[in-house]
N, C-alpha and C. Protein backbone atom coordinates (compact mmCIF):
# COMPACT_ATOMS: atom_id res chain seq x y z
N MET A 1 193.66 -7.89 105.28
CA MET A 1 193.85 -6.55 104.78
C MET A 1 192.71 -6.18 103.84
N SER A 2 192.14 -5.03 104.02
CA SER A 2 191.03 -4.60 103.16
C SER A 2 191.56 -4.12 101.82
N ASP A 3 190.64 -3.98 100.84
CA ASP A 3 191.03 -3.47 99.53
C ASP A 3 191.58 -2.06 99.64
N MET A 4 191.06 -1.28 100.60
CA MET A 4 191.50 0.10 100.79
C MET A 4 192.97 0.14 101.21
N GLU A 5 193.37 -0.78 102.06
CA GLU A 5 194.75 -0.82 102.54
C GLU A 5 195.72 -1.30 101.46
N LYS A 6 195.22 -2.09 100.50
CA LYS A 6 196.07 -2.61 99.44
C LYS A 6 196.33 -1.59 98.34
N THR A 7 195.58 -0.51 98.33
CA THR A 7 195.71 0.48 97.28
C THR A 7 197.07 1.18 97.35
N ASN A 8 197.76 1.19 96.23
CA ASN A 8 199.04 1.87 96.14
C ASN A 8 198.83 3.35 95.89
N LEU A 9 199.81 4.13 96.25
CA LEU A 9 199.75 5.57 96.00
C LEU A 9 199.60 5.84 94.51
N THR A 10 200.26 5.04 93.68
CA THR A 10 200.16 5.23 92.23
C THR A 10 198.75 4.97 91.71
N ASP A 11 197.95 4.22 92.46
CA ASP A 11 196.56 4.00 92.07
C ASP A 11 195.69 5.21 92.41
N VAL A 12 196.12 5.96 93.41
CA VAL A 12 195.34 7.11 93.88
C VAL A 12 195.76 8.38 93.15
N VAL A 13 197.07 8.56 93.01
CA VAL A 13 197.61 9.76 92.38
C VAL A 13 198.29 9.36 91.09
N LYS A 14 197.80 9.89 89.99
CA LYS A 14 198.39 9.56 88.70
C LYS A 14 198.96 10.83 88.09
N THR A 15 200.22 10.78 87.71
CA THR A 15 200.87 11.93 87.09
C THR A 15 200.78 11.78 85.58
N GLU A 16 200.26 12.81 84.95
CA GLU A 16 200.21 12.86 83.49
C GLU A 16 201.45 13.60 83.01
N TYR A 17 202.18 13.01 82.09
CA TYR A 17 203.33 13.68 81.49
C TYR A 17 202.89 14.23 80.14
N LEU A 18 203.08 15.52 79.98
CA LEU A 18 202.65 16.21 78.77
C LEU A 18 203.80 16.26 77.76
N ASN A 19 203.47 15.92 76.51
CA ASN A 19 204.47 15.93 75.44
C ASN A 19 203.75 16.27 74.14
N PRO A 20 204.49 16.49 73.07
CA PRO A 20 203.83 16.87 71.81
C PRO A 20 202.83 15.84 71.28
N GLY A 21 202.95 14.60 71.71
CA GLY A 21 202.03 13.55 71.27
C GLY A 21 200.67 13.61 71.93
N ASN A 22 200.58 14.23 73.13
CA ASN A 22 199.29 14.25 73.82
C ASN A 22 198.84 15.64 74.25
N ALA A 23 199.68 16.66 74.01
CA ALA A 23 199.34 18.00 74.50
C ALA A 23 199.56 19.07 73.43
N VAL A 24 198.61 20.00 73.37
CA VAL A 24 198.73 21.15 72.46
C VAL A 24 198.59 22.42 73.30
N PHE A 25 199.67 23.21 73.31
CA PHE A 25 199.66 24.51 73.99
C PHE A 25 199.48 25.59 72.96
N LYS A 26 198.66 26.61 73.30
CA LYS A 26 198.43 27.74 72.39
C LYS A 26 198.37 29.03 73.20
N ALA A 27 198.72 30.13 72.53
CA ALA A 27 198.55 31.46 73.13
C ALA A 27 197.17 31.94 72.72
N GLU A 28 196.32 32.22 73.70
CA GLU A 28 194.96 32.70 73.43
C GLU A 28 194.60 33.80 74.40
N LYS A 29 194.25 34.96 73.87
CA LYS A 29 193.80 36.10 74.67
C LYS A 29 194.81 36.49 75.74
N GLY A 30 196.10 36.38 75.42
CA GLY A 30 197.14 36.75 76.36
C GLY A 30 197.49 35.68 77.38
N PHE A 31 196.88 34.52 77.26
CA PHE A 31 197.14 33.43 78.19
C PHE A 31 197.57 32.19 77.41
N ILE A 32 198.00 31.18 78.14
CA ILE A 32 198.34 29.91 77.51
C ILE A 32 197.20 28.93 77.79
N SER A 33 196.73 28.30 76.72
CA SER A 33 195.69 27.28 76.88
C SER A 33 196.31 25.91 76.61
N LEU A 34 195.61 24.88 77.06
CA LEU A 34 196.09 23.52 76.89
C LEU A 34 194.95 22.61 76.50
N GLU A 35 195.22 21.76 75.55
CA GLU A 35 194.30 20.70 75.19
C GLU A 35 195.13 19.42 75.15
N TYR A 36 194.71 18.42 75.90
CA TYR A 36 195.46 17.17 75.87
C TYR A 36 194.54 15.97 76.03
N THR A 37 195.08 14.83 75.66
CA THR A 37 194.34 13.59 75.72
C THR A 37 195.02 12.65 76.70
N ALA A 38 194.25 12.13 77.64
CA ALA A 38 194.76 11.17 78.63
C ALA A 38 193.75 10.04 78.75
N ASP A 39 194.23 8.84 78.63
CA ASP A 39 193.38 7.64 78.73
C ASP A 39 192.17 7.73 77.79
N GLY A 40 192.41 8.25 76.58
CA GLY A 40 191.35 8.36 75.58
C GLY A 40 190.38 9.51 75.81
N GLU A 41 190.58 10.27 76.87
CA GLU A 41 189.68 11.38 77.19
C GLU A 41 190.37 12.71 76.86
N LYS A 42 189.66 13.57 76.13
CA LYS A 42 190.21 14.87 75.75
C LYS A 42 189.87 15.90 76.83
N LYS A 43 190.89 16.64 77.27
CA LYS A 43 190.68 17.67 78.30
C LYS A 43 191.14 19.00 77.74
N THR A 44 190.37 20.05 78.05
CA THR A 44 190.68 21.38 77.56
C THR A 44 190.71 22.37 78.72
N TYR A 45 191.75 23.19 78.74
CA TYR A 45 191.90 24.24 79.75
C TYR A 45 192.11 25.56 79.01
N SER A 46 191.24 26.52 79.26
CA SER A 46 191.37 27.81 78.57
C SER A 46 192.54 28.64 79.08
N ARG A 47 193.01 28.31 80.30
CA ARG A 47 194.16 29.01 80.85
C ARG A 47 194.92 28.07 81.79
N VAL A 48 196.23 27.99 81.58
CA VAL A 48 197.07 27.19 82.47
C VAL A 48 198.23 28.03 82.98
N PHE A 49 198.79 27.58 84.09
CA PHE A 49 199.91 28.28 84.73
C PHE A 49 201.08 27.31 84.83
N LEU A 50 202.27 27.82 84.60
CA LEU A 50 203.47 26.99 84.61
C LEU A 50 204.26 27.23 85.88
N HIS A 51 204.68 26.15 86.52
CA HIS A 51 205.48 26.23 87.75
C HIS A 51 206.63 25.24 87.65
N ARG A 52 207.83 25.73 87.85
CA ARG A 52 208.99 24.83 87.84
C ARG A 52 209.00 24.01 89.13
N CYS A 53 209.13 22.71 89.00
CA CYS A 53 209.22 21.84 90.18
C CYS A 53 210.54 22.07 90.91
N PHE A 54 211.59 22.37 90.16
CA PHE A 54 212.91 22.64 90.71
C PHE A 54 213.41 23.96 90.13
N PRO A 55 212.89 25.09 90.63
CA PRO A 55 213.15 26.39 89.99
C PRO A 55 214.60 26.84 89.95
N ASN A 56 215.40 26.39 90.88
CA ASN A 56 216.80 26.82 90.89
C ASN A 56 217.75 25.81 90.26
N GLU A 57 217.32 24.57 90.13
CA GLU A 57 218.20 23.54 89.62
C GLU A 57 217.92 23.17 88.16
N ILE A 58 216.64 23.01 87.83
CA ILE A 58 216.26 22.58 86.48
C ILE A 58 215.30 23.61 85.90
N THR A 59 215.79 24.40 84.95
CA THR A 59 214.95 25.48 84.43
C THR A 59 214.19 25.10 83.16
N ASP A 60 214.61 24.03 82.48
CA ASP A 60 213.96 23.68 81.22
C ASP A 60 213.22 22.34 81.27
N GLY A 61 212.94 21.87 82.48
CA GLY A 61 212.22 20.60 82.59
C GLY A 61 211.51 20.48 83.92
N TYR A 62 210.73 19.44 84.03
CA TYR A 62 209.90 19.18 85.20
C TYR A 62 209.11 20.43 85.57
N ILE A 63 208.23 20.78 84.64
CA ILE A 63 207.39 21.96 84.78
C ILE A 63 205.96 21.49 85.01
N SER A 64 205.42 21.88 86.14
CA SER A 64 204.06 21.52 86.49
C SER A 64 203.10 22.48 85.77
N VAL A 65 202.08 21.93 85.16
CA VAL A 65 201.07 22.72 84.45
C VAL A 65 199.79 22.65 85.28
N LEU A 66 199.37 23.81 85.79
CA LEU A 66 198.20 23.88 86.67
C LEU A 66 197.05 24.60 85.99
N ASP A 67 195.83 24.19 86.34
CA ASP A 67 194.65 24.89 85.82
C ASP A 67 194.36 26.10 86.71
N SER A 68 193.28 26.79 86.43
CA SER A 68 192.96 28.03 87.16
C SER A 68 192.58 27.77 88.62
N GLU A 69 192.33 26.52 88.99
CA GLU A 69 192.01 26.17 90.38
C GLU A 69 193.18 25.49 91.08
N ASN A 70 194.37 25.61 90.49
CA ASN A 70 195.61 25.03 91.02
C ASN A 70 195.61 23.50 91.04
N ASN A 71 194.83 22.88 90.18
CA ASN A 71 194.88 21.43 90.02
C ASN A 71 195.89 21.12 88.92
N GLU A 72 196.72 20.13 89.15
CA GLU A 72 197.75 19.80 88.17
C GLU A 72 197.16 19.05 86.99
N ALA A 73 197.36 19.61 85.80
CA ALA A 73 196.93 18.94 84.58
C ALA A 73 197.99 17.93 84.16
N GLY A 74 199.25 18.25 84.42
CA GLY A 74 200.33 17.34 84.06
C GLY A 74 201.68 17.99 84.26
N ILE A 75 202.72 17.26 83.88
CA ILE A 75 204.09 17.74 84.02
C ILE A 75 204.80 17.62 82.68
N ILE A 76 205.53 18.66 82.34
CA ILE A 76 206.38 18.65 81.16
C ILE A 76 207.76 18.20 81.62
N LYS A 77 208.23 17.04 81.14
CA LYS A 77 209.56 16.55 81.54
C LYS A 77 210.67 17.41 80.95
N SER A 78 210.50 17.84 79.71
CA SER A 78 211.52 18.66 79.06
C SER A 78 210.90 19.56 78.01
N LEU A 79 211.25 20.84 78.06
CA LEU A 79 210.77 21.77 77.03
C LEU A 79 211.34 21.41 75.67
N ASN A 80 212.51 20.77 75.65
CA ASN A 80 213.16 20.40 74.39
C ASN A 80 212.39 19.36 73.60
N ASP A 81 211.41 18.72 74.23
CA ASP A 81 210.58 17.74 73.52
C ASP A 81 209.60 18.41 72.56
N PHE A 82 209.32 19.69 72.79
CA PHE A 82 208.31 20.40 72.01
C PHE A 82 208.92 21.11 70.81
N PRO A 83 208.10 21.36 69.77
CA PRO A 83 208.58 22.13 68.62
C PRO A 83 209.03 23.53 69.07
N GLU A 84 209.90 24.14 68.31
CA GLU A 84 210.50 25.43 68.67
C GLU A 84 209.47 26.51 69.00
N ASP A 85 208.38 26.60 68.23
CA ASP A 85 207.38 27.65 68.48
C ASP A 85 206.68 27.45 69.82
N VAL A 86 206.36 26.22 70.16
CA VAL A 86 205.71 25.92 71.45
C VAL A 86 206.70 26.11 72.58
N LYS A 87 207.92 25.65 72.38
CA LYS A 87 208.98 25.82 73.37
C LYS A 87 209.17 27.31 73.67
N ALA A 88 209.21 28.13 72.62
CA ALA A 88 209.39 29.59 72.79
C ALA A 88 208.22 30.19 73.57
N LEU A 89 207.00 29.75 73.29
CA LEU A 89 205.81 30.22 74.01
C LEU A 89 205.92 29.90 75.50
N LEU A 90 206.28 28.67 75.81
CA LEU A 90 206.39 28.24 77.20
C LEU A 90 207.56 28.94 77.91
N GLU A 91 208.67 29.10 77.22
CA GLU A 91 209.83 29.79 77.81
C GLU A 91 209.52 31.25 78.11
N THR A 92 208.78 31.90 77.22
CA THR A 92 208.39 33.30 77.44
C THR A 92 207.54 33.43 78.70
N GLU A 93 206.62 32.52 78.88
CA GLU A 93 205.76 32.53 80.07
C GLU A 93 206.58 32.26 81.33
N LEU A 94 207.52 31.34 81.26
CA LEU A 94 208.37 31.03 82.41
C LEU A 94 209.28 32.21 82.76
N LYS A 95 209.81 32.88 81.74
CA LYS A 95 210.66 34.06 82.00
C LYS A 95 209.86 35.16 82.68
N ARG A 96 208.62 35.34 82.26
CA ARG A 96 207.76 36.34 82.88
C ARG A 96 207.48 35.97 84.34
N ARG A 97 207.18 34.72 84.56
CA ARG A 97 206.83 34.27 85.91
C ARG A 97 208.04 34.22 86.84
N TYR A 98 209.17 33.85 86.31
CA TYR A 98 210.37 33.68 87.15
C TYR A 98 211.40 34.78 86.92
N PHE A 99 210.92 35.97 86.60
CA PHE A 99 211.84 37.09 86.40
C PHE A 99 212.62 37.33 87.69
N VAL A 100 213.92 37.51 87.55
CA VAL A 100 214.79 37.70 88.71
C VAL A 100 215.65 38.94 88.49
N PHE A 101 215.68 39.81 89.50
CA PHE A 101 216.58 40.95 89.47
C PHE A 101 217.96 40.47 89.89
N THR A 102 219.01 41.02 89.31
CA THR A 102 220.37 40.66 89.70
C THR A 102 220.98 41.79 90.51
N ILE A 103 221.33 41.49 91.75
CA ILE A 103 221.92 42.49 92.64
C ILE A 103 223.40 42.62 92.34
N LYS A 104 223.82 43.86 92.08
CA LYS A 104 225.23 44.16 91.81
C LYS A 104 225.94 44.70 93.04
N LYS A 105 225.16 45.40 93.90
CA LYS A 105 225.73 46.03 95.09
C LYS A 105 224.62 46.18 96.12
N ILE A 106 224.97 46.00 97.40
CA ILE A 106 224.02 46.22 98.49
C ILE A 106 224.40 47.53 99.17
N ARG A 107 223.54 48.52 99.03
CA ARG A 107 223.81 49.84 99.62
C ARG A 107 223.50 49.85 101.11
N SER A 108 222.38 49.21 101.49
CA SER A 108 222.03 49.14 102.91
C SER A 108 221.00 48.05 103.15
N VAL A 109 221.02 47.52 104.39
CA VAL A 109 220.01 46.58 104.87
C VAL A 109 219.73 47.01 106.31
N LYS A 110 218.48 47.42 106.55
CA LYS A 110 218.08 47.86 107.89
C LYS A 110 216.96 46.97 108.39
N GLU A 111 217.10 46.48 109.62
CA GLU A 111 216.08 45.61 110.21
C GLU A 111 215.22 46.38 111.19
N LYS A 112 213.92 46.05 111.16
CA LYS A 112 212.99 46.67 112.10
C LYS A 112 211.74 45.80 112.20
N TYR A 113 211.40 45.36 113.41
CA TYR A 113 210.18 44.60 113.69
C TYR A 113 209.99 43.38 112.79
N GLY A 114 211.04 42.61 112.58
CA GLY A 114 210.93 41.38 111.80
C GLY A 114 211.00 41.57 110.29
N TYR A 115 211.21 42.78 109.85
CA TYR A 115 211.36 43.08 108.43
C TYR A 115 212.75 43.64 108.20
N SER A 116 213.25 43.45 106.99
CA SER A 116 214.50 44.13 106.61
C SER A 116 214.20 44.95 105.36
N TYR A 117 214.79 46.11 105.33
CA TYR A 117 214.58 47.08 104.25
C TYR A 117 215.88 47.21 103.48
N TRP A 118 215.85 46.84 102.22
CA TRP A 118 217.05 46.76 101.39
C TRP A 118 217.09 47.88 100.38
N THR A 119 218.27 48.42 100.17
CA THR A 119 218.54 49.33 99.06
C THR A 119 219.72 48.72 98.32
N VAL A 120 219.50 48.41 97.04
CA VAL A 120 220.52 47.72 96.25
C VAL A 120 220.66 48.37 94.88
N ASP A 121 221.75 48.05 94.22
CA ASP A 121 221.92 48.39 92.81
C ASP A 121 221.71 47.11 92.02
N GLU A 122 220.88 47.19 90.99
CA GLU A 122 220.68 46.07 90.08
C GLU A 122 220.87 46.59 88.66
N GLU A 123 220.61 45.79 87.65
CA GLU A 123 220.91 46.15 86.26
C GLU A 123 220.39 47.52 85.85
N LYS A 124 219.19 47.87 86.30
CA LYS A 124 218.55 49.11 85.85
C LYS A 124 218.69 50.26 86.83
N GLY A 125 219.52 50.10 87.84
CA GLY A 125 219.73 51.18 88.79
C GLY A 125 219.40 50.78 90.21
N GLU A 126 219.16 51.80 91.03
CA GLU A 126 218.89 51.57 92.44
C GLU A 126 217.46 51.05 92.64
N ARG A 127 217.30 50.12 93.59
CA ARG A 127 215.99 49.56 93.88
C ARG A 127 215.89 49.34 95.38
N GLU A 128 214.69 49.56 95.90
CA GLU A 128 214.42 49.32 97.32
C GLU A 128 213.35 48.24 97.42
N PHE A 129 213.51 47.36 98.40
CA PHE A 129 212.50 46.32 98.62
C PHE A 129 212.52 45.91 100.08
N THR A 130 211.45 45.23 100.49
CA THR A 130 211.28 44.82 101.88
C THR A 130 211.19 43.31 101.96
N VAL A 131 211.85 42.75 102.97
CA VAL A 131 211.87 41.30 103.17
C VAL A 131 211.33 41.00 104.56
N GLN A 132 210.40 40.06 104.64
CA GLN A 132 209.89 39.61 105.94
C GLN A 132 210.63 38.33 106.31
N ASP A 133 210.99 38.19 107.58
CA ASP A 133 211.70 37.01 108.06
C ASP A 133 212.92 36.76 107.17
N THR A 134 213.86 37.66 107.26
CA THR A 134 215.01 37.70 106.37
C THR A 134 215.74 36.36 106.27
N TYR A 135 215.97 35.70 107.39
CA TYR A 135 216.73 34.45 107.36
C TYR A 135 216.04 33.38 106.53
N ARG A 136 214.72 33.35 106.55
CA ARG A 136 213.97 32.35 105.77
C ARG A 136 213.76 32.79 104.32
N SER A 137 213.96 34.06 104.05
CA SER A 137 213.73 34.58 102.70
C SER A 137 214.99 34.60 101.85
N ILE A 138 216.10 34.18 102.42
CA ILE A 138 217.35 34.07 101.67
C ILE A 138 217.63 32.59 101.45
N ASN A 139 217.70 32.20 100.18
CA ASN A 139 217.97 30.80 99.83
C ASN A 139 219.36 30.68 99.24
N LYS A 140 220.17 29.85 99.85
CA LYS A 140 221.50 29.57 99.31
C LYS A 140 221.36 28.53 98.21
N ILE A 141 221.71 28.91 97.01
CA ILE A 141 221.64 27.98 95.88
C ILE A 141 222.94 27.18 95.84
N THR A 142 224.06 27.89 96.00
CA THR A 142 225.38 27.27 96.16
C THR A 142 226.05 28.03 97.30
N ASP A 143 227.28 27.70 97.60
CA ASP A 143 228.01 28.43 98.64
C ASP A 143 228.22 29.89 98.27
N ASP A 144 228.19 30.19 96.97
CA ASP A 144 228.49 31.55 96.52
C ASP A 144 227.30 32.26 95.88
N ARG A 145 226.19 31.56 95.69
CA ARG A 145 225.02 32.13 94.99
C ARG A 145 223.80 32.08 95.90
N ILE A 146 223.08 33.23 95.99
CA ILE A 146 221.86 33.25 96.80
C ILE A 146 220.73 33.94 96.04
N VAL A 147 219.51 33.65 96.51
CA VAL A 147 218.31 34.31 96.00
C VAL A 147 217.54 34.83 97.20
N VAL A 148 217.16 36.11 97.14
CA VAL A 148 216.39 36.77 98.19
C VAL A 148 214.98 36.99 97.64
N THR A 149 213.96 36.66 98.43
CA THR A 149 212.57 36.86 97.99
C THR A 149 211.94 37.93 98.88
N ASP A 150 211.37 38.96 98.23
CA ASP A 150 210.77 40.05 99.01
C ASP A 150 209.31 39.74 99.36
N ILE A 151 208.66 40.66 100.07
CA ILE A 151 207.29 40.42 100.55
C ILE A 151 206.27 40.32 99.42
N ASP A 152 206.63 40.80 98.22
CA ASP A 152 205.73 40.70 97.08
C ASP A 152 206.01 39.49 96.21
N GLY A 153 206.98 38.66 96.62
CA GLY A 153 207.30 37.47 95.84
C GLY A 153 208.35 37.70 94.76
N ASN A 154 208.85 38.93 94.64
CA ASN A 154 209.91 39.21 93.67
C ASN A 154 211.20 38.55 94.14
N ARG A 155 211.98 38.08 93.17
CA ARG A 155 213.24 37.42 93.50
C ARG A 155 214.42 38.28 93.08
N TYR A 156 215.44 38.29 93.92
CA TYR A 156 216.67 39.03 93.69
C TYR A 156 217.83 38.07 93.83
N GLU A 157 218.63 37.94 92.79
CA GLU A 157 219.74 36.99 92.82
C GLU A 157 221.06 37.71 93.00
N ILE A 158 221.90 37.11 93.81
CA ILE A 158 223.30 37.50 93.89
C ILE A 158 224.06 36.31 93.32
N PRO A 159 224.48 36.40 92.04
CA PRO A 159 225.11 35.26 91.38
C PRO A 159 226.42 34.83 92.03
N SER A 160 227.13 35.79 92.64
CA SER A 160 228.39 35.46 93.28
C SER A 160 228.63 36.41 94.45
N LEU A 161 228.52 35.87 95.66
CA LEU A 161 228.79 36.68 96.85
C LEU A 161 230.22 37.19 96.84
N SER A 162 231.14 36.36 96.38
CA SER A 162 232.55 36.76 96.37
C SER A 162 232.84 37.87 95.37
N ALA A 163 231.97 38.06 94.39
CA ALA A 163 232.17 39.13 93.41
C ALA A 163 231.65 40.48 93.91
N LEU A 164 230.87 40.47 95.00
CA LEU A 164 230.38 41.73 95.57
C LEU A 164 231.54 42.51 96.19
N ASP A 165 231.40 43.83 96.24
CA ASP A 165 232.40 44.64 96.94
C ASP A 165 232.37 44.30 98.43
N ARG A 166 233.42 44.62 99.13
CA ARG A 166 233.57 44.24 100.54
C ARG A 166 232.44 44.78 101.42
N LYS A 167 232.00 46.03 101.20
CA LYS A 167 230.92 46.60 102.01
C LYS A 167 229.62 45.82 101.81
N SER A 168 229.33 45.44 100.57
CA SER A 168 228.13 44.66 100.28
C SER A 168 228.19 43.30 100.97
N GLN A 169 229.36 42.67 100.94
CA GLN A 169 229.54 41.38 101.60
C GLN A 169 229.27 41.51 103.09
N LYS A 170 229.77 42.56 103.70
CA LYS A 170 229.58 42.79 105.13
C LYS A 170 228.09 42.96 105.48
N ARG A 171 227.36 43.64 104.60
CA ARG A 171 225.94 43.92 104.85
C ARG A 171 225.07 42.67 104.81
N ILE A 172 225.51 41.68 104.07
CA ILE A 172 224.68 40.48 103.94
C ILE A 172 225.18 39.30 104.77
N GLU A 173 226.43 39.29 105.14
CA GLU A 173 226.98 38.11 105.81
C GLU A 173 226.29 37.77 107.13
N ILE A 174 225.71 38.73 107.80
CA ILE A 174 224.99 38.47 109.06
C ILE A 174 223.77 37.55 108.84
N PHE A 175 223.22 37.55 107.65
CA PHE A 175 222.03 36.76 107.35
C PHE A 175 222.33 35.37 106.81
N LEU A 176 223.59 35.10 106.52
CA LEU A 176 223.95 33.83 105.87
C LEU A 176 224.31 32.74 106.86
C-alpha cells in the first residue's frame, strides 16, 4: 500500500472549531469579520458568512463560517460558548440570513409550466411568490410543519398544517 492510500480523510480535511479561545468576531463596515488562530497561525477574514449546518433542527449551533470565496474557516459548535455581545452579533446575522415568513392562510396556488404561483396571508398581510418544482421546494420538517422555498430563496413556514383553515389545507395537500 502506498503512502497515498494510507492517508486518512482526517489527514486531508481538517475541521477547525471556532470558540472564544481562538476566534474573535467583530462588526466592521456592516459585515462580520473574523480573526482566529489555528496551529499557531493567525488568520484574518474581513468578511465572513454564516450558514447553519442543520437549519431546521439546530438553530444555535453547528454554524459553518465561510470566507468570501465559500471556503470554510471553521465551525461554531454552539453560540452559547461566546460572550453575550458576540452571540448577539452572530444571532442578528443569522436572523437576517434565515428570515422566514409565516404563512397563516393559503389563498391560492396555481400551477403552470413547472412553476406554482402562490397567494398567501402572512404576518404583514397578503404576499405573492413563485415556486419552481413545487414538490422539491416543499420540505416537511415534521408531519405537521413545512417550509416552502420560492425561486428567490425566500422561505415560508407553515408551523402547523392542522391549524390552517380547511380551504388552505386543501390547496396544499396535493403537494405533500
